[in-house]
C-alpha cells in the first residue's frame, strides 16, 4: 500500500535551517510531480513548492523564494525541502503531496515546524 514517512521537522530559532524529507513507497514515485504544502493554525493549507518528475521544473510560493529549495531522489522515492533563513511565519505543519494525471493523489501525514522568534 501507499506509505509516506515525513521527518525533519522540529523547533528552530528564527534564522535557522531545517531539512524536511518525505520518503514514499507503494506507487511509482518517478511518475509523480511532488509538492510541499503547509498549514498554519487557523489557516488554510497553502502551496509551498513543487518539483516535476525529472526535476526540470521547480516552483515556489513567493514568500519562500530564495530561502527554500525543493529536490528529489527518484532512486530513493524521496522528496526534500531545504528550509533556510526560517521565519516565525514559516511555522506550520508541512505536508508532501504526490500528483499525476489520471492517477490518485496522495498526501503525507505532515511534520510540524515551529520557528521561534
PDB file of N, CA and C in Angstrom:
ATOM      1  N   UNK A   1       0.831  -1.176   0.000  1.00  0.00           N
ATOM      2  CA  UNK A   1       0.000   0.000   0.000  1.00  0.00           C
ATOM      3  C   UNK A   1       0.883   1.250   0.000  1.00  0.00           C
ATOM      4  N   UNK A   2       0.261   2.377  -0.301  1.00  0.00           N
ATOM      5  CA  UNK A   2       0.988   3.634  -0.360  1.00  0.00           C
ATOM      6  C   UNK A   2       1.355   4.080   1.053  1.00  0.00           C
ATOM      7  N   UNK A   3       2.622   4.435   1.219  1.00  0.00           N
ATOM      8  CA  UNK A   3       3.099   4.916   2.513  1.00  0.00           C
ATOM      9  C   UNK A   3       3.957   6.145   2.329  1.00  0.00           C
ATOM     10  N   UNK A   4       3.806   7.078   3.264  1.00  0.00           N
ATOM     11  CA  UNK A   4       4.621   8.276   3.323  1.00  0.00           C
ATOM     12  C   UNK A   4       5.264   8.339   4.709  1.00  0.00           C
ATOM     13  N   UNK A   5       6.539   8.667   4.755  1.00  0.00           N
ATOM     14  CA  UNK A   5       7.212   8.930   6.025  1.00  0.00           C
ATOM     15  C   UNK A   5       7.856  10.301   5.932  1.00  0.00           C
ATOM     16  N   UNK A   6       7.277  11.249   6.644  1.00  0.00           N
ATOM     17  CA  UNK A   6       7.803  12.610   6.657  1.00  0.00           C
ATOM     18  C   UNK A   6       8.573  12.819   7.948  1.00  0.00           C
ATOM     19  N   UNK A   7       9.737  13.416   7.847  1.00  0.00           N
ATOM     20  CA  UNK A   7      10.505  13.706   9.043  1.00  0.00           C
ATOM     21  C   UNK A   7      11.425  14.892   8.783  1.00  0.00           C
ATOM     22  N   UNK A   8      12.016  15.388   9.855  1.00  0.00           N
ATOM     23  CA  UNK A   8      12.912  16.532   9.753  1.00  0.00           C
ATOM     24  C   UNK A   8      12.352  17.787  10.373  1.00  0.00           C
ATOM     25  N   UNK A   9      11.082  17.781  10.749  1.00  0.00           N
ATOM     26  CA  UNK A   9      10.510  18.945  11.407  1.00  0.00           C
ATOM     27  C   UNK A   9      11.023  19.089  12.823  1.00  0.00           C
ATOM     28  N   UNK A  10      10.648  20.192  13.449  1.00  0.00           N
ATOM     29  CA  UNK A  10      11.075  20.426  14.817  1.00  0.00           C
ATOM     30  C   UNK A  10      11.000  21.883  15.182  1.00  0.00           C
ATOM     31  N   UNK A  11      11.673  22.217  16.283  1.00  0.00           N
ATOM     32  CA  UNK A  11      11.708  23.587  16.789  1.00  0.00           C
ATOM     33  C   UNK A  11      13.058  24.214  16.443  1.00  0.00           C
ATOM     34  N   UNK A  12      13.011  25.387  15.856  1.00  0.00           N
ATOM     35  CA  UNK A  12      14.245  26.074  15.459  1.00  0.00           C
ATOM     36  C   UNK A  12      14.077  27.568  15.695  1.00  0.00           C
ATOM     37  N   UNK A  13      15.175  28.239  15.978  1.00  0.00           N
ATOM     38  CA  UNK A  13      15.113  29.687  16.136  1.00  0.00           C
ATOM     39  C   UNK A  13      15.050  30.385  14.784  1.00  0.00           C
ATOM     40  N   UNK A  14      14.491  31.560  14.790  1.00  0.00           N
ATOM     41  CA  UNK A  14      14.439  32.359  13.564  1.00  0.00           C
ATOM     42  C   UNK A  14      15.851  32.522  13.000  1.00  0.00           C
ATOM     43  N   UNK A  15      15.949  32.376  11.685  1.00  0.00           N
ATOM     44  CA  UNK A  15      17.242  32.436  11.030  1.00  0.00           C
ATOM     45  C   UNK A  15      17.894  31.082  10.846  1.00  0.00           C
ATOM     46  N   UNK A  16      17.363  30.087  11.502  1.00  0.00           N
ATOM     47  CA  UNK A  16      17.917  28.745  11.421  1.00  0.00           C
ATOM     48  C   UNK A  16      17.449  27.982  10.194  1.00  0.00           C
ATOM     49  N   UNK A  17      17.858  26.715  10.128  1.00  0.00           N
ATOM     50  CA  UNK A  17      17.557  25.867   8.972  1.00  0.00           C
ATOM     51  C   UNK A  17      17.004  24.519   9.415  1.00  0.00           C
ATOM     52  N   UNK A  18      16.196  23.952   8.554  1.00  0.00           N
ATOM     53  CA  UNK A  18      15.704  22.589   8.700  1.00  0.00           C
ATOM     54  C   UNK A  18      15.643  21.948   7.326  1.00  0.00           C
ATOM     55  N   UNK A  19      15.781  20.633   7.294  1.00  0.00           N
ATOM     56  CA  UNK A  19      15.611  19.892   6.047  1.00  0.00           C
ATOM     57  C   UNK A  19      14.532  18.839   6.264  1.00  0.00           C
ATOM     58  N   UNK A  20      13.439  18.999   5.531  1.00  0.00           N
ATOM     59  CA  UNK A  20      12.355  18.036   5.592  1.00  0.00           C
ATOM     60  C   UNK A  20      12.581  16.949   4.546  1.00  0.00           C
ATOM     61  N   UNK A  21      12.213  15.725   4.915  1.00  0.00           N
ATOM     62  CA  UNK A  21      12.275  14.604   3.988  1.00  0.00           C
ATOM     63  C   UNK A  21      10.914  13.918   3.955  1.00  0.00           C
ATOM     64  N   UNK A  22      10.563  13.425   2.793  1.00  0.00           N
ATOM     65  CA  UNK A  22       9.316  12.669   2.623  1.00  0.00           C
ATOM     66  C   UNK A  22       9.659  11.418   1.828  1.00  0.00           C
ATOM     67  N   UNK A  23       9.786  10.309   2.533  1.00  0.00           N
ATOM     68  CA  UNK A  23      10.115   9.034   1.897  1.00  0.00           C
ATOM     69  C   UNK A  23       8.824   8.289   1.597  1.00  0.00           C
ATOM     70  N   UNK A  24       8.714   7.794   0.367  1.00  0.00           N
ATOM     71  CA  UNK A  24       7.460   7.180  -0.055  1.00  0.00           C
ATOM     72  C   UNK A  24       7.667   5.752  -0.538  1.00  0.00           C
ATOM     73  N   UNK A  25       6.573   5.020  -0.602  1.00  0.00           N
ATOM     74  CA  UNK A  25       6.584   3.681  -1.178  1.00  0.00           C
ATOM     75  C   UNK A  25       5.168   3.327  -1.590  1.00  0.00           C
ATOM     76  N   UNK A  26       5.059   2.324  -2.443  1.00  0.00           N
ATOM     77  CA  UNK A  26       3.741   1.836  -2.837  1.00  0.00           C
ATOM     78  C   UNK A  26       3.167   2.440  -4.101  1.00  0.00           C
ATOM     79  N   UNK A  27       3.899   3.336  -4.737  1.00  0.00           N
ATOM     80  CA  UNK A  27       3.471   3.873  -6.022  1.00  0.00           C
ATOM     81  C   UNK A  27       4.722   4.231  -6.824  1.00  0.00           C
ATOM     82  N   UNK A  28       4.534   4.526  -8.100  1.00  0.00           N
ATOM     83  CA  UNK A  28       5.668   4.807  -8.990  1.00  0.00           C
ATOM     84  C   UNK A  28       6.089   6.258  -8.820  1.00  0.00           C
ATOM     85  N   UNK A  29       6.968   6.472  -7.864  1.00  0.00           N
ATOM     86  CA  UNK A  29       7.373   7.826  -7.467  1.00  0.00           C
ATOM     87  C   UNK A  29       7.838   8.658  -8.664  1.00  0.00           C
ATOM     88  N   UNK A  30       8.614   8.052  -9.541  1.00  0.00           N
ATOM     89  CA  UNK A  30       9.199   8.807 -10.655  1.00  0.00           C
ATOM     90  C   UNK A  30       8.158   9.300 -11.655  1.00  0.00           C
ATOM     91  N   UNK A  31       6.929   8.816 -11.546  1.00  0.00           N
ATOM     92  CA  UNK A  31       5.858   9.240 -12.456  1.00  0.00           C
ATOM     93  C   UNK A  31       5.028  10.385 -11.885  1.00  0.00           C
ATOM     94  N   UNK A  32       5.370  10.829 -10.696  1.00  0.00           N
ATOM     95  CA  UNK A  32       4.564  11.826  -9.995  1.00  0.00           C
ATOM     96  C   UNK A  32       5.309  13.146  -9.821  1.00  0.00           C
ATOM     97  N   UNK A  33       4.567  14.234 -10.016  1.00  0.00           N
ATOM     98  CA  UNK A  33       5.041  15.525  -9.540  1.00  0.00           C
ATOM     99  C   UNK A  33       4.892  15.518  -8.020  1.00  0.00           C
ATOM    100  N   UNK A  34       5.901  16.075  -7.332  1.00  0.00           N
ATOM    101  CA  UNK A  34       5.863  16.122  -5.880  1.00  0.00           C
ATOM    102  C   UNK A  34       5.820  17.575  -5.409  1.00  0.00           C
ATOM    103  N   UNK A  35       5.089  17.794  -4.331  1.00  0.00           N
ATOM    104  CA  UNK A  35       4.930  19.142  -3.800  1.00  0.00           C
ATOM    105  C   UNK A  35       5.007  19.128  -2.288  1.00  0.00           C
ATOM    106  N   UNK A  36       5.281  20.304  -1.748  1.00  0.00           N
ATOM    107  CA  UNK A  36       5.152  20.540  -0.316  1.00  0.00           C
ATOM    108  C   UNK A  36       4.079  21.609  -0.117  1.00  0.00           C
ATOM    109  N   UNK A  37       3.237  21.354   0.856  1.00  0.00           N
ATOM    110  CA  UNK A  37       2.228  22.310   1.292  1.00  0.00           C
ATOM    111  C   UNK A  37       2.426  22.534   2.789  1.00  0.00           C
ATOM    112  N   UNK A  38       1.810  23.568   3.313  1.00  0.00           N
ATOM    113  CA  UNK A  38       1.860  23.786   4.752  1.00  0.00           C
ATOM    114  C   UNK A  38       0.543  24.357   5.232  1.00  0.00           C
ATOM    115  N   UNK A  39       0.269  24.122   6.512  1.00  0.00           N
ATOM    116  CA  UNK A  39      -0.950  24.641   7.108  1.00  0.00           C
ATOM    117  C   UNK A  39      -0.634  25.164   8.499  1.00  0.00           C
ATOM    118  N   UNK A  40      -0.804  26.461   8.657  1.00  0.00           N
ATOM    119  CA  UNK A  40      -0.604  27.101   9.949  1.00  0.00           C
ATOM    120  C   UNK A  40      -1.900  27.042  10.745  1.00  0.00           C
ATOM    121  N   UNK A  41      -1.811  27.142  12.067  1.00  0.00           N
ATOM    122  CA  UNK A  41      -3.031  27.095  12.895  1.00  0.00           C
ATOM    123  C   UNK A  41      -4.047  28.135  12.461  1.00  0.00           C
ATOM    124  N   UNK A  42      -5.282  27.708  12.258  1.00  0.00           N
ATOM    125  CA  UNK A  42      -6.355  28.620  11.896  1.00  0.00           C
ATOM    126  C   UNK A  42      -6.344  29.086  10.455  1.00  0.00           C
ATOM    127  N   UNK A  43      -5.445  28.537   9.666  1.00  0.00           N
ATOM    128  CA  UNK A  43      -5.346  28.954   8.256  1.00  0.00           C
ATOM    129  C   UNK A  43      -5.560  27.764   7.329  1.00  0.00           C
ATOM    130  N   UNK A  44      -5.817  28.072   6.063  1.00  0.00           N
ATOM    131  CA  UNK A  44      -5.981  27.026   5.071  1.00  0.00           C
ATOM    132  C   UNK A  44      -4.613  26.475   4.653  1.00  0.00           C
ATOM    133  N   UNK A  45      -4.624  25.258   4.165  1.00  0.00           N
ATOM    134  CA  UNK A  45      -3.397  24.664   3.648  1.00  0.00           C
ATOM    135  C   UNK A  45      -2.967  25.436   2.398  1.00  0.00           C
ATOM    136  N   UNK A  46      -1.680  25.734   2.306  1.00  0.00           N
ATOM    137  CA  UNK A  46      -1.182  26.515   1.171  1.00  0.00           C
ATOM    138  C   UNK A  46      -0.003  25.823   0.504  1.00  0.00           C
ATOM    139  N   UNK A  47       0.139  26.113  -0.775  1.00  0.00           N
ATOM    140  CA  UNK A  47       1.241  25.594  -1.583  1.00  0.00           C
ATOM    141  C   UNK A  47       2.554  26.242  -1.155  1.00  0.00           C
ATOM    142  N   UNK A  48       3.614  25.426  -1.082  1.00  0.00           N
ATOM    143  CA  UNK A  48       4.943  25.937  -0.771  1.00  0.00           C
ATOM    144  C   UNK A  48       5.888  25.790  -1.967  1.00  0.00           C
ATOM    145  N   UNK A  49       6.003  24.565  -2.485  1.00  0.00           N
ATOM    146  CA  UNK A  49       6.949  24.319  -3.567  1.00  0.00           C
ATOM    147  C   UNK A  49       6.565  23.036  -4.293  1.00  0.00           C
ATOM    148  N   UNK A  50       6.983  22.934  -5.553  1.00  0.00           N
ATOM    149  CA  UNK A  50       6.745  21.715  -6.320  1.00  0.00           C
ATOM    150  C   UNK A  50       7.948  21.412  -7.205  1.00  0.00           C
ATOM    151  N   UNK A  51       8.057  20.145  -7.575  1.00  0.00           N
ATOM    152  CA  UNK A  51       9.144  19.695  -8.431  1.00  0.00           C
ATOM    153  C   UNK A  51       8.588  18.679  -9.411  1.00  0.00           C
ATOM    154  N   UNK A  52       8.955  18.830 -10.674  1.00  0.00           N
ATOM    155  CA  UNK A  52       8.456  17.930 -11.706  1.00  0.00           C
ATOM    156  C   UNK A  52       9.133  16.557 -11.602  1.00  0.00           C
ATOM    157  N   UNK A  53       8.644  15.628 -12.413  1.00  0.00           N
ATOM    158  CA  UNK A  53       9.103  14.242 -12.334  1.00  0.00           C
ATOM    159  C   UNK A  53      10.614  14.104 -12.514  1.00  0.00           C
ATOM    160  N   UNK A  54      11.170  14.911 -13.415  1.00  0.00           N
ATOM    161  CA  UNK A  54      12.606  14.815 -13.712  1.00  0.00           C
ATOM    162  C   UNK A  54      13.413  15.931 -13.073  1.00  0.00           C
ATOM    163  N   UNK A  55      12.781  16.686 -12.192  1.00  0.00           N
ATOM    164  CA  UNK A  55      13.424  17.826 -11.506  1.00  0.00           C
ATOM    165  C   UNK A  55      13.725  18.986 -12.441  1.00  0.00           C
ATOM    166  N   UNK A  56      13.149  18.978 -13.628  1.00  0.00           N
ATOM    167  CA  UNK A  56      13.443  20.039 -14.585  1.00  0.00           C
ATOM    168  C   UNK A  56      12.695  21.332 -14.272  1.00  0.00           C
ATOM    169  N   UNK A  57      11.574  21.214 -13.574  1.00  0.00           N
ATOM    170  CA  UNK A  57      10.766  22.393 -13.266  1.00  0.00           C
ATOM    171  C   UNK A  57      10.542  22.481 -11.758  1.00  0.00           C
ATOM    172  N   UNK A  58      10.932  23.621 -11.195  1.00  0.00           N
ATOM    173  CA  UNK A  58      10.733  23.885  -9.775  1.00  0.00           C
ATOM    174  C   UNK A  58       9.848  25.119  -9.645  1.00  0.00           C
ATOM    175  N   UNK A  59       8.942  25.090  -8.703  1.00  0.00           N
ATOM    176  CA  UNK A  59       8.089  26.255  -8.459  1.00  0.00           C
ATOM    177  C   UNK A  59       8.017  26.494  -6.950  1.00  0.00           C
ATOM    178  N   UNK A  60       7.926  27.785  -6.599  1.00  0.00           N
ATOM    179  CA  UNK A  60       7.866  28.170  -5.193  1.00  0.00           C
ATOM    180  C   UNK A  60       6.827  29.267  -4.997  1.00  0.00           C
ATOM    181  N   UNK A  61       6.209  29.266  -3.847  1.00  0.00           N
ATOM    182  CA  UNK A  61       5.392  30.420  -3.498  1.00  0.00           C
ATOM    183  C   UNK A  61       6.331  31.587  -3.197  1.00  0.00           C
ATOM    184  N   UNK A  62       5.856  32.790  -3.434  1.00  0.00           N
ATOM    185  CA  UNK A  62       6.731  33.970  -3.344  1.00  0.00           C
ATOM    186  C   UNK A  62       7.399  34.108  -1.969  1.00  0.00           C
ATOM    187  N   UNK A  63       6.692  33.759  -0.925  1.00  0.00           N
ATOM    188  CA  UNK A  63       7.208  34.010   0.423  1.00  0.00           C
ATOM    189  C   UNK A  63       8.413  33.147   0.789  1.00  0.00           C
ATOM    190  N   UNK A  64       8.687  32.094   0.021  1.00  0.00           N
ATOM    191  CA  UNK A  64       9.824  31.225   0.353  1.00  0.00           C
ATOM    192  C   UNK A  64      10.925  31.269  -0.706  1.00  0.00           C
ATOM    193  N   UNK A  65      10.711  31.983  -1.787  1.00  0.00           N
ATOM    194  CA  UNK A  65      11.716  32.060  -2.852  1.00  0.00           C
ATOM    195  C   UNK A  65      13.030  32.604  -2.295  1.00  0.00           C
ATOM    196  N   UNK A  66      14.120  31.938  -2.658  1.00  0.00           N
ATOM    197  CA  UNK A  66      15.429  32.347  -2.180  1.00  0.00           C
ATOM    198  C   UNK A  66      15.793  31.786  -0.821  1.00  0.00           C
ATOM    199  N   UNK A  67      14.839  31.182  -0.136  1.00  0.00           N
ATOM    200  CA  UNK A  67      15.105  30.602   1.193  1.00  0.00           C
ATOM    201  C   UNK A  67      14.918  29.082   1.212  1.00  0.00           C
ATOM    202  N   UNK A  68      13.947  28.582   0.467  1.00  0.00           N
ATOM    203  CA  UNK A  68      13.644  27.152   0.451  1.00  0.00           C
ATOM    204  C   UNK A  68      14.086  26.551  -0.879  1.00  0.00           C
ATOM    205  N   UNK A  69      14.493  25.279  -0.828  1.00  0.00           N
ATOM    206  CA  UNK A  69      14.863  24.548  -2.036  1.00  0.00           C
ATOM    207  C   UNK A  69      14.239  23.164  -2.000  1.00  0.00           C
ATOM    208  N   UNK A  70      13.491  22.844  -3.039  1.00  0.00           N
ATOM    209  CA  UNK A  70      12.895  21.517  -3.154  1.00  0.00           C
ATOM    210  C   UNK A  70      13.781  20.663  -4.060  1.00  0.00           C
ATOM    211  N   UNK A  71      13.896  19.385  -3.723  1.00  0.00           N
ATOM    212  CA  UNK A  71      14.668  18.458  -4.543  1.00  0.00           C
ATOM    213  C   UNK A  71      14.075  17.063  -4.378  1.00  0.00           C
ATOM    214  N   UNK A  72      14.508  16.158  -5.226  1.00  0.00           N
ATOM    215  CA  UNK A  72      14.006  14.792  -5.148  1.00  0.00           C
ATOM    216  C   UNK A  72      15.091  13.810  -5.546  1.00  0.00           C
ATOM    217  N   UNK A  73      14.943  12.593  -5.070  1.00  0.00           N
ATOM    218  CA  UNK A  73      15.822  11.483  -5.443  1.00  0.00           C
ATOM    219  C   UNK A  73      14.907  10.346  -5.875  1.00  0.00           C
ATOM    220  N   UNK A  74      14.762  10.169  -7.168  1.00  0.00           N
ATOM    221  CA  UNK A  74      13.835   9.145  -7.666  1.00  0.00           C
ATOM    222  C   UNK A  74      14.298   7.735  -7.302  1.00  0.00           C
ATOM    223  N   UNK A  75      15.585   7.535  -7.160  1.00  0.00           N
ATOM    224  CA  UNK A  75      16.092   6.217  -6.773  1.00  0.00           C
ATOM    225  C   UNK A  75      15.687   5.854  -5.344  1.00  0.00           C
ATOM    226  N   UNK A  76      15.492   6.868  -4.514  1.00  0.00           N
ATOM    227  CA  UNK A  76      15.102   6.648  -3.120  1.00  0.00           C
ATOM    228  C   UNK A  76      13.627   6.951  -2.885  1.00  0.00           C
ATOM    229  N   UNK A  77      12.911   7.348  -3.941  1.00  0.00           N
ATOM    230  CA  UNK A  77      11.481   7.696  -3.824  1.00  0.00           C
ATOM    231  C   UNK A  77      11.255   8.714  -2.701  1.00  0.00           C
ATOM    232  N   UNK A  78      12.102   9.710  -2.671  1.00  0.00           N
ATOM    233  CA  UNK A  78      12.082  10.694  -1.586  1.00  0.00           C
ATOM    234  C   UNK A  78      12.140  12.108  -2.144  1.00  0.00           C
ATOM    235  N   UNK A  79      11.385  12.988  -1.527  1.00  0.00           N
ATOM    236  CA  UNK A  79      11.424  14.409  -1.860  1.00  0.00           C
ATOM    237  C   UNK A  79      11.866  15.165  -0.609  1.00  0.00           C
ATOM    238  N   UNK A  80      12.606  16.246  -0.841  1.00  0.00           N
ATOM    239  CA  UNK A  80      13.192  17.010   0.248  1.00  0.00           C
ATOM    240  C   UNK A  80      12.760  18.480   0.167  1.00  0.00           C
ATOM    241  N   UNK A  81      12.823  19.148   1.298  1.00  0.00           N
ATOM    242  CA  UNK A  81      12.625  20.589   1.330  1.00  0.00           C
ATOM    243  C   UNK A  81      13.665  21.171   2.275  1.00  0.00           C
ATOM    244  N   UNK A  82      14.663  21.828   1.707  1.00  0.00           N
ATOM    245  CA  UNK A  82      15.674  22.519   2.497  1.00  0.00           C
ATOM    246  C   UNK A  82      15.152  23.909   2.813  1.00  0.00           C
ATOM    247  N   UNK A  83      15.066  24.228   4.089  1.00  0.00           N
ATOM    248  CA  UNK A  83      14.497  25.498   4.527  1.00  0.00           C
ATOM    249  C   UNK A  83      15.563  26.283   5.282  1.00  0.00           C
ATOM    250  N   UNK A  84      15.963  27.403   4.726  1.00  0.00           N
ATOM    251  CA  UNK A  84      16.965  28.269   5.336  1.00  0.00           C
ATOM    252  C   UNK A  84      16.342  29.604   5.727  1.00  0.00           C
ATOM    253  N   UNK A  85      17.035  30.333   6.561  1.00  0.00           N
ATOM    254  CA  UNK A  85      16.580  31.665   6.988  1.00  0.00           C
ATOM    255  C   UNK A  85      15.128  31.621   7.442  1.00  0.00           C
ATOM    256  N   UNK A  86      14.820  30.669   8.278  1.00  0.00           N
ATOM    257  CA  UNK A  86      13.436  30.462   8.700  1.00  0.00           C
ATOM    258  C   UNK A  86      12.913  31.639   9.504  1.00  0.00           C
ATOM    259  N   UNK A  87      11.627  31.901   9.327  1.00  0.00           N
ATOM    260  CA  UNK A  87      10.945  32.997   9.993  1.00  0.00           C
ATOM    261  C   UNK A  87       9.792  32.443  10.829  1.00  0.00           C
ATOM    262  N   UNK A  88       9.370  33.171  11.850  1.00  0.00           N
ATOM    263  CA  UNK A  88       8.234  32.688  12.653  1.00  0.00           C
ATOM    264  C   UNK A  88       6.997  32.392  11.803  1.00  0.00           C
ATOM    265  N   UNK A  89       6.808  33.144  10.730  1.00  0.00           N
ATOM    266  CA  UNK A  89       5.638  32.914   9.874  1.00  0.00           C
ATOM    267  C   UNK A  89       5.737  31.634   9.054  1.00  0.00           C
ATOM    268  N   UNK A  90       6.878  30.953   9.106  1.00  0.00           N
ATOM    269  CA  UNK A  90       7.001  29.645   8.463  1.00  0.00           C
ATOM    270  C   UNK A  90       6.467  28.528   9.361  1.00  0.00           C
ATOM    271  N   UNK A  91       6.104  28.857  10.582  1.00  0.00           N
ATOM    272  CA  UNK A  91       5.565  27.858  11.495  1.00  0.00           C
ATOM    273  C   UNK A  91       4.282  27.257  10.931  1.00  0.00           C
ATOM    274  N   UNK A  92       4.257  25.935  10.820  1.00  0.00           N
ATOM    275  CA  UNK A  92       3.115  25.239  10.226  1.00  0.00           C
ATOM    276  C   UNK A  92       3.373  23.735  10.273  1.00  0.00           C
ATOM    277  N   UNK A  93       2.348  22.988   9.932  1.00  0.00           N
ATOM    278  CA  UNK A  93       2.529  21.567   9.633  1.00  0.00           C
ATOM    279  C   UNK A  93       2.794  21.474   8.138  1.00  0.00           C
ATOM    280  N   UNK A  94       3.861  20.804   7.783  1.00  0.00           N
ATOM    281  CA  UNK A  94       4.266  20.679   6.380  1.00  0.00           C
ATOM    282  C   UNK A  94       3.891  19.283   5.868  1.00  0.00           C
ATOM    283  N   UNK A  95       3.255  19.265   4.690  1.00  0.00           N
ATOM    284  CA  UNK A  95       2.778  18.033   4.080  1.00  0.00           C
ATOM    285  C   UNK A  95       3.415  17.853   2.705  1.00  0.00           C
ATOM    286  N   UNK A  96       3.750  16.631   2.352  1.00  0.00           N
ATOM    287  CA  UNK A  96       4.144  16.369   0.978  1.00  0.00           C
ATOM    288  C   UNK A  96       2.966  15.752   0.232  1.00  0.00           C
ATOM    289  N   UNK A  97       2.960  15.995  -1.063  1.00  0.00           N
ATOM    290  CA  UNK A  97       1.847  15.581  -1.918  1.00  0.00           C
ATOM    291  C   UNK A  97       2.397  14.991  -3.197  1.00  0.00           C
ATOM    292  N   UNK A  98       1.790  13.923  -3.644  1.00  0.00           N
ATOM    293  CA  UNK A  98       2.146  13.288  -4.911  1.00  0.00           C
ATOM    294  C   UNK A  98       0.965  13.415  -5.860  1.00  0.00           C
ATOM    295  N   UNK A  99       1.234  13.933  -7.062  1.00  0.00           N
ATOM    296  CA  UNK A  99       0.154  14.161  -8.025  1.00  0.00           C
ATOM    297  C   UNK A  99       0.611  13.739  -9.420  1.00  0.00           C
ATOM    298  N   UNK A 100      -0.300  13.069 -10.131  1.00  0.00           N
ATOM    299  CA  UNK A 100      -0.021  12.691 -11.522  1.00  0.00           C
ATOM    300  C   UNK A 100      -1.340  12.629 -12.266  1.00  0.00           C
ATOM    301  N   UNK A 101      -1.291  12.949 -13.534  1.00  0.00           N
ATOM    302  CA  UNK A 101      -2.501  12.923 -14.353  1.00  0.00           C
ATOM    303  C   UNK A 101      -3.076  11.510 -14.401  1.00  0.00           C
ATOM    304  N   UNK A 102      -4.377  11.436 -14.261  1.00  0.00           N
ATOM    305  CA  UNK A 102      -5.112  10.179 -14.384  1.00  0.00           C
ATOM    306  C   UNK A 102      -4.709   9.150 -13.335  1.00  0.00           C
ATOM    307  N   UNK A 103      -4.092   9.608 -12.247  1.00  0.00           N
ATOM    308  CA  UNK A 103      -3.715   8.693 -11.155  1.00  0.00           C
ATOM    309  C   UNK A 103      -4.190   9.298  -9.837  1.00  0.00           C
ATOM    310  N   UNK A 104      -4.308   8.475  -8.800  1.00  0.00           N
ATOM    311  CA  UNK A 104      -4.729   9.023  -7.498  1.00  0.00           C
ATOM    312  C   UNK A 104      -3.709  10.026  -6.969  1.00  0.00           C
ATOM    313  N   UNK A 105      -4.200  10.972  -6.187  1.00  0.00           N
ATOM    314  CA  UNK A 105      -3.340  11.925  -5.488  1.00  0.00           C
ATOM    315  C   UNK A 105      -3.119  11.429  -4.062  1.00  0.00           C
ATOM    316  N   UNK A 106      -1.876  11.544  -3.599  1.00  0.00           N
ATOM    317  CA  UNK A 106      -1.536  11.060  -2.257  1.00  0.00           C
ATOM    318  C   UNK A 106      -0.956  12.184  -1.414  1.00  0.00           C
ATOM    319  N   UNK A 107      -1.260  12.146  -0.121  1.00  0.00           N
ATOM    320  CA  UNK A 107      -0.741  13.116   0.836  1.00  0.00           C
ATOM    321  C   UNK A 107       0.002  12.396   1.964  1.00  0.00           C
ATOM    322  N   UNK A 108       1.041  13.034   2.466  1.00  0.00           N
ATOM    323  CA  UNK A 108       1.702  12.563   3.660  1.00  0.00           C
ATOM    324  C   UNK A 108       0.934  12.983   4.900  1.00  0.00           C
ATOM    325  N   UNK A 109       1.406  12.519   6.058  1.00  0.00           N
ATOM    326  CA  UNK A 109       0.693  12.773   7.314  1.00  0.00           C
ATOM    327  C   UNK A 109       1.090  14.093   7.955  1.00  0.00           C
ATOM    328  N   UNK A 110       2.159  14.703   7.470  1.00  0.00           N
ATOM    329  CA  UNK A 110       2.566  16.011   7.973  1.00  0.00           C
ATOM    330  C   UNK A 110       3.657  15.940   9.022  1.00  0.00           C
ATOM    331  N   UNK A 111       4.472  16.987   9.045  1.00  0.00           N
ATOM    332  CA  UNK A 111       5.506  17.130  10.070  1.00  0.00           C
ATOM    333  C   UNK A 111       5.488  18.574  10.559  1.00  0.00           C
ATOM    334  N   UNK A 112       5.588  18.754  11.867  1.00  0.00           N
ATOM    335  CA  UNK A 112       5.443  20.071  12.467  1.00  0.00           C
ATOM    336  C   UNK A 112       6.761  20.838  12.418  1.00  0.00           C
ATOM    337  N   UNK A 113       6.673  22.086  11.997  1.00  0.00           N
ATOM    338  CA  UNK A 113       7.808  23.008  12.042  1.00  0.00           C
ATOM    339  C   UNK A 113       7.404  24.199  12.899  1.00  0.00           C
ATOM    340  N   UNK A 114       8.210  24.503  13.908  1.00  0.00           N
ATOM    341  CA  UNK A 114       7.968  25.653  14.764  1.00  0.00           C
ATOM    342  C   UNK A 114       9.211  26.530  14.762  1.00  0.00           C
ATOM    343  N   UNK A 115       9.017  27.783  14.391  1.00  0.00           N
ATOM    344  CA  UNK A 115      10.117  28.738  14.339  1.00  0.00           C
ATOM    345  C   UNK A 115       9.892  29.783  15.424  1.00  0.00           C
ATOM    346  N   UNK A 116      10.795  29.830  16.372  1.00  0.00           N
ATOM    347  CA  UNK A 116      10.654  30.774  17.481  1.00  0.00           C
ATOM    348  C   UNK A 116      11.365  32.083  17.153  1.00  0.00           C
ATOM    349  N   UNK A 117      10.805  33.171  17.655  1.00  0.00           N
ATOM    350  CA  UNK A 117      11.389  34.497  17.383  1.00  0.00           C
ATOM    351  C   UNK A 117      12.433  34.866  18.424  1.00  0.00           C
TER     352      UNK A 117
END
